């Protein structure tokens, strides 16, 4: 796979210029030097050989990328369209590096990282379960269940609310600020502002965002009551932001 075909595939989902994608990818990957727009364009020549003009060791002298931020960039930019991107890569996956069959977005994004490294003859990476990305992505697991049905957990005398997997989207994230009432009434969601990334996000988006921070009150009010046998008139202890009932 050439660098041009790699970026072209991503560009079908991320609707910005290809040169900007290159510049942002290198920046997020921890490049030691800034990639100029004209330089990025020179790597995307139609003959598919433009990337050979890139002296990769000038940008990554230790042959090592910032894996966490490289993947995080793709997760945020691609968002919920990762399956569509996977299908695009299916027809050009001549190196067999990209996992075009997985149902796990984390595995898919990791394979995109390795494809980038393969193009430039950099060492491929193995997921490190102890790295920062994995820790941030799964940090909730100690107090939050990923079960599809909400339950109450009792841990050392503290009552905690398990968060259903379907709740882990922008609407139920502390970072998302929008009209939650309208979002609950509208199956397609409404736009609000993500204060973490300073951009407008659909309330139903963000399912793969590693910056998800649960807004327990919103989850309890809009989802837990709807998914349990607790009635509207029942007494229900609303959890605070640490998951502790009050």
Protein backbone atom coordinates (compact mmCIF):
# COMPACT_ATOMS: atom_id res chain seq x y z
CA UNK A 1 0.00 0.00 0.00
CA UNK A 2 1.31 3.44 -0.87
CA UNK A 3 1.11 6.43 1.43
CA UNK A 4 -1.13 8.16 -1.13
CA UNK A 5 -3.67 5.33 -1.15
CA UNK A 6 -3.59 5.19 2.67
CA UNK A 7 -4.33 8.90 3.02
CA UNK A 8 -6.85 8.85 0.17
CA UNK A 9 -8.86 6.16 1.98
CA UNK A 10 -8.89 8.14 5.22
CA UNK A 11 -9.82 11.28 3.29
CA UNK A 12 -13.05 9.63 2.13
CA UNK A 13 -14.19 9.75 5.76
CA UNK A 14 -12.30 12.75 7.13
CA UNK A 15 -13.46 15.59 4.90
CA UNK A 16 -10.48 17.90 5.02
CA UNK A 17 -7.61 18.26 2.56
CA UNK A 18 -5.29 15.28 2.23
CA UNK A 19 -2.27 17.44 2.98
CA UNK A 20 -3.89 18.59 6.23
CA UNK A 21 -4.54 14.97 7.23
CA UNK A 22 -0.84 14.26 6.67
CA UNK A 23 0.22 17.30 8.68
CA UNK A 24 -2.10 16.43 11.56
CA UNK A 25 -1.15 12.75 11.60
CA UNK A 26 2.55 13.55 11.80
CA UNK A 27 1.93 16.11 14.52
CA UNK A 28 -0.16 13.72 16.62
CA UNK A 29 2.37 10.94 16.04
CA UNK A 30 4.96 13.10 17.77
CA UNK A 31 7.05 14.19 14.79
CA UNK A 32 10.14 16.10 15.88
CA UNK A 33 9.76 18.53 12.96
CA UNK A 34 6.73 20.38 11.60
CA UNK A 35 5.43 19.16 8.24
CA UNK A 36 4.82 22.03 5.83
CA UNK A 37 1.78 21.97 3.56
CA UNK A 38 3.86 21.88 0.38
CA UNK A 39 5.98 19.10 1.84
CA UNK A 40 2.89 17.05 2.62
CA UNK A 41 1.63 17.58 -0.92
CA UNK A 42 4.93 16.33 -2.35
CA UNK A 43 4.44 13.04 -0.50
CA UNK A 44 1.06 12.56 -2.18
CA UNK A 45 2.16 12.59 -5.80
CA UNK A 46 -0.16 10.67 -8.18
CA UNK A 47 2.51 8.11 -9.09
CA UNK A 48 2.24 6.73 -5.57
CA UNK A 49 5.96 7.13 -4.94
CA UNK A 50 5.84 10.52 -3.33
CA UNK A 51 6.27 9.13 0.16
CA UNK A 52 9.80 8.09 -0.79
CA UNK A 53 10.63 11.78 -0.66
CA UNK A 54 9.87 11.69 3.04
CA UNK A 55 12.98 11.07 5.08
CA UNK A 56 11.03 9.51 7.92
CA UNK A 57 13.99 9.45 10.30
CA UNK A 58 14.11 13.25 10.19
CA UNK A 59 10.66 13.25 11.77
CA UNK A 60 10.97 10.17 13.98
CA UNK A 61 14.70 9.80 14.74
CA UNK A 62 14.07 6.98 17.21
CA UNK A 63 11.79 5.09 14.79
CA UNK A 64 9.00 5.43 17.34
CA UNK A 65 5.59 7.07 17.01
CA UNK A 66 3.34 8.38 19.75
CA UNK A 67 0.91 5.49 19.42
CA UNK A 68 -1.65 6.89 21.85
CA UNK A 69 -2.12 10.25 20.13
CA UNK A 70 -1.92 8.80 16.62
CA UNK A 71 -4.82 6.46 17.38
CA UNK A 72 -6.69 9.08 19.39
CA UNK A 73 -6.57 11.43 16.40
CA UNK A 74 -8.18 8.81 14.14
CA UNK A 75 -10.78 7.91 16.77
CA UNK A 76 -11.90 11.50 17.13
CA UNK A 77 -11.82 12.35 13.43
CA UNK A 78 -13.41 9.12 12.16
CA UNK A 79 -15.77 8.82 15.14
CA UNK A 80 -18.71 6.51 14.42
CA UNK A 81 -17.74 5.98 10.76
CA UNK A 82 -14.96 3.50 11.52
CA UNK A 83 -16.88 0.59 9.94
CA UNK A 84 -17.23 2.57 6.71
CA UNK A 85 -13.49 3.25 6.74
CA UNK A 86 -12.85 -0.42 7.36
CA UNK A 87 -14.80 -1.29 4.21
CA UNK A 88 -12.85 1.27 2.19
CA UNK A 89 -9.58 -0.31 3.24
CA UNK A 90 -10.86 -3.81 2.49
CA UNK A 91 -10.31 -3.35 -1.26
CA UNK A 92 -6.78 -1.94 -0.97
CA UNK A 93 -5.40 -3.98 1.92
CA UNK A 94 -2.64 -5.52 -0.17
CA UNK A 95 -0.19 -5.70 2.74
CA UNK A 96 -2.65 -7.59 4.94
CA UNK A 97 -1.77 -5.32 7.85
CA UNK A 98 -5.13 -3.64 8.36
CA UNK A 99 -7.68 -5.76 10.18
CA UNK A 100 -10.70 -5.46 7.89
CA UNK A 101 -12.72 -8.13 9.71
CA UNK A 102 -12.58 -7.15 13.36
CA UNK A 103 -15.65 -5.85 15.16
CA UNK A 104 -13.43 -4.14 17.71
CA UNK A 105 -12.67 -0.51 16.77
CA UNK A 106 -9.57 -0.47 18.99
CA UNK A 107 -8.09 -3.39 17.06
CA UNK A 108 -8.92 -1.69 13.77
CA UNK A 109 -7.30 1.61 14.74
CA UNK A 110 -4.22 -0.21 15.98
CA UNK A 111 -3.90 -1.91 12.60
CA UNK A 112 -4.09 1.51 10.91
CA UNK A 113 -1.16 2.59 13.05
CA UNK A 114 0.80 -0.47 11.94
CA UNK A 115 -0.05 0.13 8.29
CA UNK A 116 1.38 3.64 8.56
CA UNK A 117 4.54 2.19 10.10
CA UNK A 118 4.72 -0.52 7.44
CA UNK A 119 4.65 2.09 4.66
CA UNK A 120 7.70 3.78 6.14
CA UNK A 121 9.48 0.58 7.20
CA UNK A 122 9.18 1.43 10.87
CA UNK A 123 8.87 -1.33 13.50
CA UNK A 124 5.29 -2.52 13.95
CA UNK A 125 3.65 -2.11 17.33
CA UNK A 126 1.97 -4.51 19.70
CA UNK A 127 -0.83 -3.24 21.94
CA UNK A 128 0.49 -2.60 25.44
CA UNK A 129 -2.23 -3.26 28.00
CA UNK A 130 -0.49 -1.02 30.48
CA UNK A 131 -0.07 1.99 28.21
CA UNK A 132 -1.84 5.29 28.71
CA UNK A 133 -4.33 4.82 25.90
CA UNK A 134 -5.54 1.51 27.25
CA UNK A 135 -5.73 2.86 30.78
CA UNK A 136 -7.78 5.89 29.69
CA UNK A 137 -10.02 3.77 27.51
CA UNK A 138 -10.84 1.34 30.30
CA UNK A 139 -10.42 3.46 33.39
CA UNK A 140 -14.12 3.19 34.21
CA UNK A 141 -14.05 -0.60 34.56
CA UNK A 142 -13.19 -0.55 38.27
CA UNK A 143 -16.51 1.11 39.10
CA UNK A 144 -18.57 0.87 35.91
CA UNK A 145 -20.05 -2.23 34.36
CA UNK A 146 -20.44 -2.59 30.60
CA UNK A 147 -23.50 -4.78 30.98
CA UNK A 148 -26.44 -3.93 28.77
CA UNK A 149 -28.74 -3.70 31.80
CA UNK A 150 -28.16 -1.25 34.65
CA UNK A 151 -27.56 -2.75 38.07
CA UNK A 152 -26.64 -1.50 41.51
CA UNK A 153 -23.26 -2.56 42.83
CA UNK A 154 -22.30 -2.65 46.47
CA UNK A 155 -18.57 -2.20 47.00
CA UNK A 156 -17.26 -1.67 50.53
CA UNK A 157 -20.59 -0.26 51.54
CA UNK A 158 -20.76 2.26 48.68
CA UNK A 159 -23.65 2.02 46.25
CA UNK A 160 -22.61 2.58 42.65
CA UNK A 161 -24.57 2.67 39.42
CA UNK A 162 -23.42 0.50 36.54
CA UNK A 163 -23.51 2.27 33.20
CA UNK A 164 -25.12 0.42 30.27
CA UNK A 165 -22.93 0.29 27.17
CA UNK A 166 -25.52 2.24 25.19
CA UNK A 167 -25.07 5.20 27.55
CA UNK A 168 -21.44 5.74 26.61
CA UNK A 169 -21.97 8.50 24.09
CA UNK A 170 -21.84 12.29 24.05
CA UNK A 171 -25.27 12.83 25.58
CA UNK A 172 -24.17 11.12 28.80
CA UNK A 173 -20.67 12.62 28.94
CA UNK A 174 -19.71 15.45 31.28
CA UNK A 175 -17.80 17.09 28.45
CA UNK A 176 -20.93 17.46 26.27
CA UNK A 177 -23.09 20.55 26.78
CA UNK A 178 -26.39 20.62 24.93
CA UNK A 179 -30.16 20.40 25.20
CA UNK A 180 -30.54 17.03 26.90
CA UNK A 181 -34.34 17.20 26.90
CA UNK A 182 -34.55 17.52 23.11
CA UNK A 183 -31.93 14.83 22.66
CA UNK A 184 -33.99 12.37 24.66
CA UNK A 185 -37.05 13.06 22.52
CA UNK A 186 -35.16 12.87 19.23
CA UNK A 187 -33.89 9.44 18.18
CA UNK A 188 -31.33 10.96 15.82
CA UNK A 189 -29.94 13.24 18.53
CA UNK A 190 -29.21 16.95 18.60
CA UNK A 191 -25.98 18.92 18.44
CA UNK A 192 -24.22 20.22 21.52
CA UNK A 193 -20.75 21.47 22.35
CA UNK A 194 -17.90 19.20 23.43
CA UNK A 195 -15.84 21.33 25.81
CA UNK A 196 -12.97 18.84 25.67
CA UNK A 197 -12.40 19.22 21.93
CA UNK A 198 -14.10 22.62 21.41
CA UNK A 199 -16.34 21.33 18.63
CA UNK A 200 -20.01 20.59 18.00
CA UNK A 201 -20.88 16.94 18.52
CA UNK A 202 -24.12 15.06 17.92
CA UNK A 203 -25.55 13.78 21.19
CA UNK A 204 -25.64 10.24 19.79
CA UNK A 205 -21.96 10.35 18.72
CA UNK A 206 -18.76 9.67 20.63
CA UNK A 207 -19.24 5.94 21.23
CA UNK A 208 -15.50 5.28 20.87
CA UNK A 209 -14.22 8.44 22.53
CA UNK A 210 -11.52 7.71 25.10
CA UNK A 211 -12.28 11.00 26.87
CA UNK A 212 -15.75 9.81 27.95
CA UNK A 213 -16.56 10.89 31.51
CA UNK A 214 -19.97 9.67 32.73
CA UNK A 215 -22.54 12.24 33.81
CA UNK A 216 -24.31 10.02 36.33
CA UNK A 217 -27.28 12.28 37.02
CA UNK A 218 -28.10 12.52 33.32
CA UNK A 219 -27.71 8.77 32.84
CA UNK A 220 -29.88 7.99 35.84
CA UNK A 221 -32.57 10.44 34.83
CA UNK A 222 -32.77 9.64 31.14
CA UNK A 223 -31.82 5.99 30.91
CA UNK A 224 -31.78 3.97 34.10
CA UNK A 225 -35.39 4.73 34.97
CA UNK A 226 -36.42 3.87 31.42
CA UNK A 227 -34.56 0.55 31.42
CA UNK A 228 -35.55 -0.73 34.85
CA UNK A 229 -38.76 -1.57 36.65
CA UNK A 230 -38.43 1.50 38.86
CA UNK A 231 -41.54 3.61 38.39
CA UNK A 232 -41.77 7.34 37.90
CA UNK A 233 -43.18 7.78 41.35
CA UNK A 234 -40.63 5.54 43.03
CA UNK A 235 -37.93 6.82 45.30
CA UNK A 236 -34.61 6.63 43.51
CA UNK A 237 -31.25 7.63 44.96
CA UNK A 238 -29.53 9.78 42.36
CA UNK A 239 -25.78 9.11 42.24
CA UNK A 240 -23.31 11.94 42.26
CA UNK A 241 -20.47 12.24 39.75
CA UNK A 242 -18.39 9.69 41.62
CA UNK A 243 -21.18 7.14 41.43
CA UNK A 244 -22.12 7.46 45.11
CA UNK A 245 -25.83 7.58 45.89
CA UNK A 246 -27.07 10.51 47.85
